[in-house]
Amino acid sequence: MEITPIEFRGQPALRANGIDGSTLTVALHGAQVLSWTAADGVERLYLSPSAVFDGHTAIRGGVPICCPQFNQRGMLPKHGFMRNLPWVHEVSDAPETLRLTLRDSEATRKLWPHAFEARLEAALSGGQLRTTLTLVNIDRAPWTFAAALHTYLRVDDIANVRLEGLQGANRWDSLRDDRWVETAAALHFDAEFDSVYAAPAQPLRLVQPGGKLEISQSASCSETVVWNPGAVLGAKLADMPADGFRHMLCVEAARIDEPVLLMPGAQWQGWQQLRVL
């Protein structure tokens, strides 16, 4: 993998070229994957053209890291603080892998009084992208956390998209605050959608006229979050065009319903893999 430091919308980033012709762009801010194209040259991630790149604000699109808190389920800023801090590029000993690291600092300890090391690894291989988040407890006491890889998938038109593989999964619909077992063989999206599913054992499939994408995740990520803001909420998001909702669908690998208890010296790892079909 050839990795080159670049400037992306005025902010430092890394561009990686895989041996198979795939490409990857990752911002140092938040260790956020911004772009992934397989050898076919097709962009598979959505990045809002209105996203804010100021080195402080969360970036709308790509693969934000939500950690050590998901959404507003706690006392930290929404989705925690890791997506809003600069990470450091480190050489990886794994082939075709880009690695960034974040360690606790005076600033993080004011928000979350724990010693930690976080690593984000993005690995390319034959039409695949695997993003892996690793957390290491380097403190003297245990601590708990939640995490999610908040992946924005690019779609041609949300009206022509279906997501397969969640039938039979327990579902919590956050819009209705209701729980039931998903009965649909495929999800379709014609309005705001925001649900947390018990992650199925088998991969999901995103199907649209332009192609198919397989989405899998580690067993350590016990939930799958599916989100699209729809037209009404989408029009209220300042960092997304009014029609941005039509071109994205978030499918997230998450560990949120039961936080992870991490003992001193232990580590946790969760990953999501996208594969072009």
Protein backbone atom coordinates (compact mmCIF):
# COMPACT_ATOMS: atom_id res chain seq x y z
CA MET A 1 0.00 0.00 0.00
CA GLU A 2 1.33 3.42 -0.98
CA ILE A 3 0.33 6.09 1.57
CA THR A 4 0.70 9.79 0.80
CA PRO A 5 0.00 12.79 3.08
CA ILE A 6 -2.42 15.18 1.35
CA GLU A 7 -4.58 18.18 2.09
CA PHE A 8 -8.31 17.50 1.80
CA ARG A 9 -10.63 20.52 1.91
CA GLY A 10 -7.93 22.40 3.75
CA GLN A 11 -7.29 19.71 6.37
CA PRO A 12 -4.54 17.06 6.69
CA ALA A 13 -5.41 13.62 5.37
CA LEU A 14 -3.84 10.47 3.99
CA ARG A 15 -4.41 8.92 0.61
CA ALA A 16 -3.69 5.22 0.17
CA ASN A 17 -3.44 3.29 -3.08
CA GLY A 18 -3.90 -0.47 -2.89
CA ILE A 19 -2.05 -2.91 -5.09
CA ASP A 20 -5.35 -3.88 -6.74
CA GLY A 21 -6.07 -0.29 -7.86
CA SER A 22 -8.38 0.59 -4.98
CA THR A 23 -8.03 3.92 -3.18
CA LEU A 24 -8.69 5.19 0.31
CA THR A 25 -8.75 8.69 1.81
CA VAL A 26 -8.66 9.14 5.59
CA ALA A 27 -8.73 12.41 7.53
CA LEU A 28 -6.40 12.77 10.51
CA HIS A 29 -9.31 14.58 12.18
CA GLY A 30 -11.23 11.76 13.83
CA ALA A 31 -9.33 9.07 11.87
CA GLN A 32 -12.34 9.34 9.60
CA VAL A 33 -12.41 7.36 6.37
CA LEU A 34 -13.70 9.84 3.78
CA SER A 35 -13.54 7.91 0.52
CA TRP A 36 -13.18 4.35 -0.73
CA THR A 37 -13.11 3.23 -4.33
CA ALA A 38 -12.48 -0.36 -5.37
CA ALA A 39 -10.57 -1.19 -8.56
CA ASP A 40 -13.69 -0.31 -10.59
CA GLY A 41 -13.26 3.35 -9.57
CA VAL A 42 -16.78 3.64 -8.10
CA GLU A 43 -17.11 5.65 -4.88
CA ARG A 44 -18.84 3.54 -2.21
CA LEU A 45 -18.95 6.07 0.66
CA TYR A 46 -21.06 9.23 0.93
CA LEU A 47 -19.37 12.46 1.97
CA SER A 48 -21.60 15.51 2.20
CA PRO A 49 -20.45 18.35 -0.08
CA SER A 50 -21.54 20.65 2.76
CA ALA A 51 -19.51 18.86 5.44
CA VAL A 52 -17.51 21.17 7.69
CA PHE A 53 -13.72 20.78 7.57
CA ASP A 54 -12.34 23.04 10.30
CA GLY A 55 -10.38 20.58 12.45
CA HIS A 56 -12.93 20.78 15.26
CA THR A 57 -16.39 19.93 13.94
CA ALA A 58 -17.61 16.40 13.25
CA ILE A 59 -17.43 15.59 9.53
CA ARG A 60 -20.71 14.56 7.88
CA GLY A 61 -20.07 11.41 5.89
CA GLY A 62 -17.52 8.66 5.40
CA VAL A 63 -16.99 6.51 8.49
CA PRO A 64 -17.13 8.56 11.71
CA ILE A 65 -15.97 6.84 14.90
CA CYS A 66 -18.58 7.10 17.66
CA CYS A 67 -16.75 6.41 20.92
CA PRO A 68 -16.71 6.14 23.92
CA GLN A 69 -20.41 7.09 23.76
CA PHE A 70 -23.10 6.49 21.16
CA ASN A 71 -25.44 9.35 20.29
CA GLN A 72 -26.61 11.08 23.47
CA ARG A 73 -26.67 7.98 25.66
CA GLY A 74 -24.52 9.49 28.39
CA MET A 75 -22.95 12.70 29.67
CA LEU A 76 -20.35 13.15 26.92
CA PRO A 77 -20.81 15.21 23.73
CA LYS A 78 -22.97 13.49 21.12
CA HIS A 79 -21.21 10.34 19.84
CA GLY A 80 -18.32 10.92 22.24
CA PHE A 81 -15.14 12.85 21.47
CA MET A 82 -12.94 10.60 19.32
CA ARG A 83 -14.39 11.81 16.02
CA ASN A 84 -13.50 15.41 16.93
CA LEU A 85 -9.79 15.00 17.76
CA PRO A 86 -6.62 14.70 15.65
CA TRP A 87 -5.21 11.18 15.37
CA VAL A 88 -1.63 10.19 14.56
CA HIS A 89 -0.58 8.09 11.58
CA GLU A 90 1.50 5.06 12.56
CA VAL A 91 3.16 2.47 10.36
CA SER A 92 1.19 -0.77 10.33
CA ASP A 93 2.83 -4.19 10.18
CA ALA A 94 -0.30 -5.59 8.49
CA PRO A 95 -0.32 -5.66 4.67
CA GLU A 96 -2.46 -3.13 2.78
CA THR A 97 -3.45 -1.47 6.06
CA LEU A 98 -3.50 2.17 7.13
CA ARG A 99 -3.35 2.77 10.90
CA LEU A 100 -4.08 5.83 13.03
CA THR A 101 -3.83 6.10 16.80
CA LEU A 102 -5.35 8.26 19.53
CA ARG A 103 -4.19 8.28 23.15
CA ASP A 104 -5.67 9.98 26.18
CA SER A 105 -4.58 13.52 26.88
CA GLU A 106 -5.30 16.29 29.34
CA ALA A 107 -8.19 17.35 27.07
CA THR A 108 -9.77 13.88 26.91
CA ARG A 109 -9.34 13.26 30.64
CA LYS A 110 -11.35 16.39 31.39
CA LEU A 111 -14.26 14.77 29.55
CA TRP A 112 -13.59 11.11 30.34
CA PRO A 113 -11.11 10.42 33.18
CA HIS A 114 -9.53 7.25 31.79
CA ALA A 115 -6.22 6.24 30.22
CA PHE A 116 -6.67 4.55 26.84
CA GLU A 117 -5.24 3.87 23.43
CA ALA A 118 -7.51 3.74 20.37
CA ARG A 119 -6.49 2.44 16.95
CA LEU A 120 -8.31 2.70 13.66
CA GLU A 121 -7.13 0.38 10.90
CA ALA A 122 -8.46 0.53 7.34
CA ALA A 123 -7.46 -2.48 5.25
CA LEU A 124 -7.90 -2.94 1.50
CA SER A 125 -8.11 -6.26 -0.30
CA GLY A 126 -9.75 -7.42 -3.53
CA GLY A 127 -12.87 -5.26 -3.65
CA GLN A 128 -13.09 -5.05 0.15
CA LEU A 129 -12.64 -2.44 2.84
CA ARG A 130 -12.40 -3.49 6.46
CA THR A 131 -12.38 -0.80 9.14
CA THR A 132 -11.33 -1.99 12.59
CA LEU A 133 -11.54 -0.06 15.85
CA THR A 134 -9.39 -1.29 18.74
CA LEU A 135 -9.51 0.07 22.28
CA VAL A 136 -6.87 -0.73 24.90
CA ASN A 137 -7.28 -0.02 28.60
CA ILE A 138 -3.94 1.32 29.82
CA ASP A 139 -5.48 2.56 33.07
CA ARG A 140 -5.24 0.99 36.52
CA ALA A 141 -8.98 0.50 36.80
CA PRO A 142 -11.68 -0.93 34.51
CA TRP A 143 -13.88 1.34 32.44
CA THR A 144 -16.88 0.99 30.16
CA PHE A 145 -17.60 2.38 26.71
CA ALA A 146 -19.89 2.15 23.71
CA ALA A 147 -18.75 2.35 20.09
CA ALA A 148 -19.96 2.44 16.51
CA LEU A 149 -18.52 2.71 13.03
CA HIS A 150 -21.08 5.16 11.66
CA THR A 151 -20.66 4.26 7.97
CA TYR A 152 -22.34 6.45 5.34
CA LEU A 153 -22.83 4.34 2.23
CA ARG A 154 -23.25 6.15 -1.07
CA VAL A 155 -26.36 5.25 -3.06
CA ASP A 156 -27.59 6.51 -6.43
CA ASP A 157 -31.14 7.11 -5.20
CA ILE A 158 -32.50 6.00 -1.82
CA ALA A 159 -35.89 5.34 -3.46
CA ASN A 160 -34.31 2.49 -5.46
CA VAL A 161 -32.37 0.89 -2.60
CA ARG A 162 -33.14 -2.18 -0.56
CA LEU A 163 -31.23 -3.59 2.40
CA GLU A 164 -31.49 -7.35 2.80
CA GLY A 165 -30.61 -9.60 5.72
CA LEU A 166 -32.37 -8.16 8.77
CA GLN A 167 -35.54 -10.25 8.63
CA GLY A 168 -36.08 -11.96 12.00
CA ALA A 169 -33.81 -9.54 13.91
CA ASN A 170 -34.99 -7.74 17.04
CA ARG A 171 -35.57 -4.08 16.18
CA TRP A 172 -35.89 -0.90 18.19
CA ASP A 173 -37.43 1.91 16.15
CA SER A 174 -36.16 5.09 17.78
CA LEU A 175 -38.70 7.25 15.95
CA ARG A 176 -41.63 5.37 17.48
CA ASP A 177 -39.76 4.17 20.58
CA ASP A 178 -41.14 0.74 19.82
CA ARG A 179 -39.66 -2.75 19.69
CA TRP A 180 -40.56 -5.72 17.51
CA VAL A 181 -39.07 -8.43 15.34
CA GLU A 182 -38.35 -7.31 11.78
CA THR A 183 -40.64 -9.13 9.34
CA ALA A 184 -39.53 -7.54 6.05
CA ALA A 185 -37.23 -9.56 3.82
CA ALA A 186 -35.80 -6.27 2.57
CA LEU A 187 -35.91 -2.75 3.97
CA HIS A 188 -37.05 0.10 1.72
CA PHE A 189 -36.66 3.79 2.50
CA ASP A 190 -39.27 6.45 1.69
CA ALA A 191 -39.10 8.59 4.86
CA GLU A 192 -36.90 9.14 7.91
CA PHE A 193 -35.58 5.79 9.18
CA ASP A 194 -33.69 5.27 12.44
CA SER A 195 -33.54 1.80 13.99
CA VAL A 196 -31.19 -0.33 16.04
CA TYR A 197 -31.17 -4.05 15.20
CA ALA A 198 -29.68 -7.04 16.95
CA ALA A 199 -26.87 -7.81 14.53
CA PRO A 200 -27.60 -10.88 12.38
CA ALA A 201 -25.05 -13.66 12.05
CA GLN A 202 -25.01 -13.43 8.26
CA PRO A 203 -23.85 -10.43 6.18
CA LEU A 204 -26.33 -7.85 4.89
CA ARG A 205 -26.68 -6.92 1.24
CA LEU A 206 -27.24 -3.40 -0.06
CA VAL A 207 -28.92 -3.76 -3.44
CA GLN A 208 -29.46 -1.00 -6.00
CA PRO A 209 -29.55 -0.80 -9.81
CA GLY A 210 -25.87 0.21 -9.88
CA GLY A 211 -24.65 -2.86 -8.01
CA LYS A 212 -24.56 -4.77 -4.74
CA LEU A 213 -22.51 -4.42 -1.59
CA GLU A 214 -22.07 -7.01 1.14
CA ILE A 215 -21.86 -5.63 4.68
CA SER A 216 -20.54 -7.74 7.54
CA GLN A 217 -19.35 -7.01 11.06
CA SER A 218 -17.54 -8.65 13.95
CA ALA A 219 -19.48 -10.57 16.59
CA SER A 220 -18.18 -8.02 19.12
CA CYS A 221 -20.45 -5.46 17.44
CA SER A 222 -23.77 -6.75 18.74
CA GLU A 223 -25.98 -4.17 17.02
CA THR A 224 -26.52 -2.85 13.51
CA VAL A 225 -27.85 0.69 13.20
CA VAL A 226 -29.68 1.75 10.04
CA TRP A 227 -30.32 5.46 9.46
CA ASN A 228 -31.52 7.82 6.76
CA PRO A 229 -32.74 11.32 7.71
CA GLY A 230 -35.40 11.51 5.02
CA ALA A 231 -36.49 14.73 3.33
CA VAL A 232 -37.82 16.59 6.39
CA LEU A 233 -34.89 16.07 8.76
CA GLY A 234 -32.43 16.17 5.87
CA ALA A 235 -33.52 19.72 5.01
CA LYS A 236 -32.70 20.77 8.60
CA LEU A 237 -29.13 19.47 8.57
CA ALA A 238 -26.88 22.44 7.88
CA ASP A 239 -23.96 20.26 6.78
CA MET A 240 -25.93 18.29 4.19
CA PRO A 241 -27.66 19.47 0.99
CA ALA A 242 -31.45 19.31 1.04
CA ASP A 243 -31.33 16.33 -1.33
CA GLY A 244 -28.36 14.68 0.42
CA PHE A 245 -30.61 12.08 2.04
CA ARG A 246 -31.29 10.67 -1.42
CA HIS A 247 -27.67 9.65 -1.88
CA MET A 248 -26.77 8.01 1.45
CA LEU A 249 -27.72 5.26 3.84
CA CYS A 250 -25.96 4.69 7.14
CA VAL A 251 -25.41 1.04 8.06
CA GLU A 252 -23.38 0.97 11.25
CA ALA A 253 -21.54 -1.74 13.15
CA ALA A 254 -22.16 -0.92 16.79
CA ARG A 255 -21.82 -2.00 20.40
CA ILE A 256 -24.26 0.22 22.25
CA ASP A 257 -27.08 -1.59 24.09
CA GLU A 258 -24.68 -3.30 26.51
CA PRO A 259 -21.51 -1.23 27.03
CA VAL A 260 -18.18 -3.02 27.05
CA LEU A 261 -16.46 -3.43 30.42
CA LEU A 262 -12.73 -3.35 29.71
CA MET A 263 -10.29 -4.45 32.40
CA PRO A 264 -6.80 -2.94 32.84
CA GLY A 265 -4.44 -4.22 30.16
CA ALA A 266 -7.28 -5.70 28.09
CA GLN A 267 -8.34 -4.71 24.60
CA TRP A 268 -11.56 -4.78 22.58
CA GLN A 269 -11.81 -4.88 18.82
CA GLY A 270 -14.75 -4.36 16.49
CA TRP A 271 -14.84 -4.25 12.71
CA GLN A 272 -17.07 -3.71 9.70
CA GLN A 273 -16.32 -5.05 6.24
CA LEU A 274 -17.69 -3.85 2.91
CA ARG A 275 -17.33 -6.09 -0.13
CA VAL A 276 -18.32 -5.32 -3.70
CA LEU A 277 -20.46 -8.10 -5.20
